[in-house]
Protein backbone atom coordinates (compact mmCIF):
# COMPACT_ATOMS: atom_id res chain seq x y z
CA MET A 1 -18.56 38.91 50.01
CA ASP A 2 -15.45 41.04 49.97
CA ARG A 3 -15.99 43.11 53.12
CA ALA A 4 -17.20 42.01 56.51
CA ALA A 5 -17.90 43.45 59.95
CA SER A 6 -18.22 42.01 63.43
CA ASN A 7 -20.47 43.52 66.06
CA VAL A 8 -21.33 46.47 63.78
CA GLN A 9 -24.86 47.62 63.09
CA LEU A 10 -25.29 48.23 59.37
CA TYR A 11 -28.13 49.26 57.12
CA GLN A 12 -28.15 49.05 53.33
CA LEU A 13 -29.45 51.24 50.56
CA ILE A 14 -29.92 49.71 47.13
CA SER A 15 -30.92 51.75 44.13
CA ILE A 16 -31.44 50.90 40.48
CA ASP A 17 -31.07 53.43 37.69
CA ASN A 18 -31.43 52.06 34.16
CA ASN A 19 -28.60 49.51 33.81
CA LYS A 20 -26.87 50.25 37.16
CA LEU A 21 -27.56 48.76 40.57
CA SER A 22 -25.85 50.68 43.39
CA TYR A 23 -25.31 49.22 46.84
CA LYS A 24 -24.22 51.15 49.94
CA ALA A 25 -23.91 49.86 53.51
CA TYR A 26 -23.81 52.39 56.32
CA GLU A 27 -22.96 52.05 59.98
CA ALA A 28 -25.72 53.08 62.39
CA THR A 29 -23.74 56.32 62.87
CA GLY A 30 -24.22 57.16 59.18
CA THR A 31 -20.61 56.39 58.15
CA LEU A 32 -20.37 54.66 54.76
CA TYR A 33 -18.91 51.18 55.34
CA ASP A 34 -19.17 49.43 51.96
CA ALA A 35 -20.25 50.31 48.43
CA PHE A 36 -20.30 48.91 44.92
CA ASP A 37 -22.05 49.37 41.59
CA LEU A 38 -23.17 46.56 39.30
CA ILE A 39 -23.45 47.78 35.72
CA LYS A 40 -25.05 45.66 32.99
CA ASP A 41 -23.88 46.27 29.41
CA ASN A 42 -26.02 45.88 26.29
CA ALA A 43 -24.96 42.22 25.94
CA GLY A 44 -26.25 41.49 29.45
CA LYS A 45 -22.80 41.13 31.03
CA ASN A 46 -22.36 42.60 34.51
CA GLU A 47 -19.39 44.71 35.57
CA LEU A 48 -18.68 45.05 39.27
CA VAL A 49 -17.26 48.42 40.32
CA ASP A 50 -15.93 48.21 43.89
CA ARG A 51 -16.33 51.53 45.70
CA SER A 52 -14.84 50.41 49.04
CA ALA A 53 -11.15 51.18 48.41
CA ASP A 54 -11.18 54.52 50.25
CA LEU A 55 -13.53 53.47 53.05
CA PRO A 56 -12.63 52.78 56.69
CA LYS A 57 -10.78 49.59 57.63
CA GLU A 58 -12.94 46.52 58.18
CA GLN A 59 -14.13 46.11 61.74
CA LEU A 60 -13.52 42.44 62.40
CA ASP A 61 -12.50 42.19 66.05
CA LEU A 62 -15.10 41.33 68.62
CA PRO A 63 -15.02 43.52 71.74
CA PRO A 64 -14.07 41.61 74.91
CA ALA A 65 -17.54 42.21 76.41
CA VAL A 66 -19.12 40.47 73.40
CA LYS A 67 -16.66 37.57 73.53
CA GLU A 68 -17.53 37.00 77.19
CA LYS A 69 -21.19 36.49 76.27
CA PHE A 70 -20.39 33.79 73.67
CA THR A 71 -20.54 30.15 74.65
CA ASP A 72 -17.54 28.02 73.68
CA GLU A 73 -19.58 26.63 70.79
CA GLN A 74 -20.54 30.11 69.54
CA MET A 75 -16.93 31.28 69.76
CA LYS A 76 -15.72 28.24 67.79
CA GLU A 77 -18.32 28.92 65.11
CA TYR A 78 -17.32 32.62 64.92
CA GLU A 79 -13.61 31.74 64.69
CA SER A 80 -14.33 29.13 61.99
CA ARG A 81 -16.32 31.62 59.89
CA PHE A 82 -13.66 34.28 60.43
CA GLU A 83 -10.87 31.93 59.27
CA ALA A 84 -12.90 30.94 56.18
CA TYR A 85 -13.42 34.62 55.39
CA LYS A 86 -9.70 35.38 55.70
CA LYS A 87 -8.88 32.47 53.35
CA ARG A 88 -11.38 33.74 50.74
CA LYS A 89 -9.89 37.20 50.94
CA GLY A 90 -6.36 35.94 50.49
């Protein structure tokens, strides 16, 4: 996973055309949030083409109203997952 979102409603569209799988994730508002293509060559090797470079900044911060609803345990779990994500991303 190279792109994440917190407290964002997303829906995905996946299409396959011959040797290309295309993935697009949209916000509930219809704004494109993430996209990539996976293209398989004749030898069966996959090439990942990231289409997210020109898309909006990741939405990773939780709104205060959402944080208030989390228990201490839920907040610790969220922070732990968030830190692991940041480490993976570099």
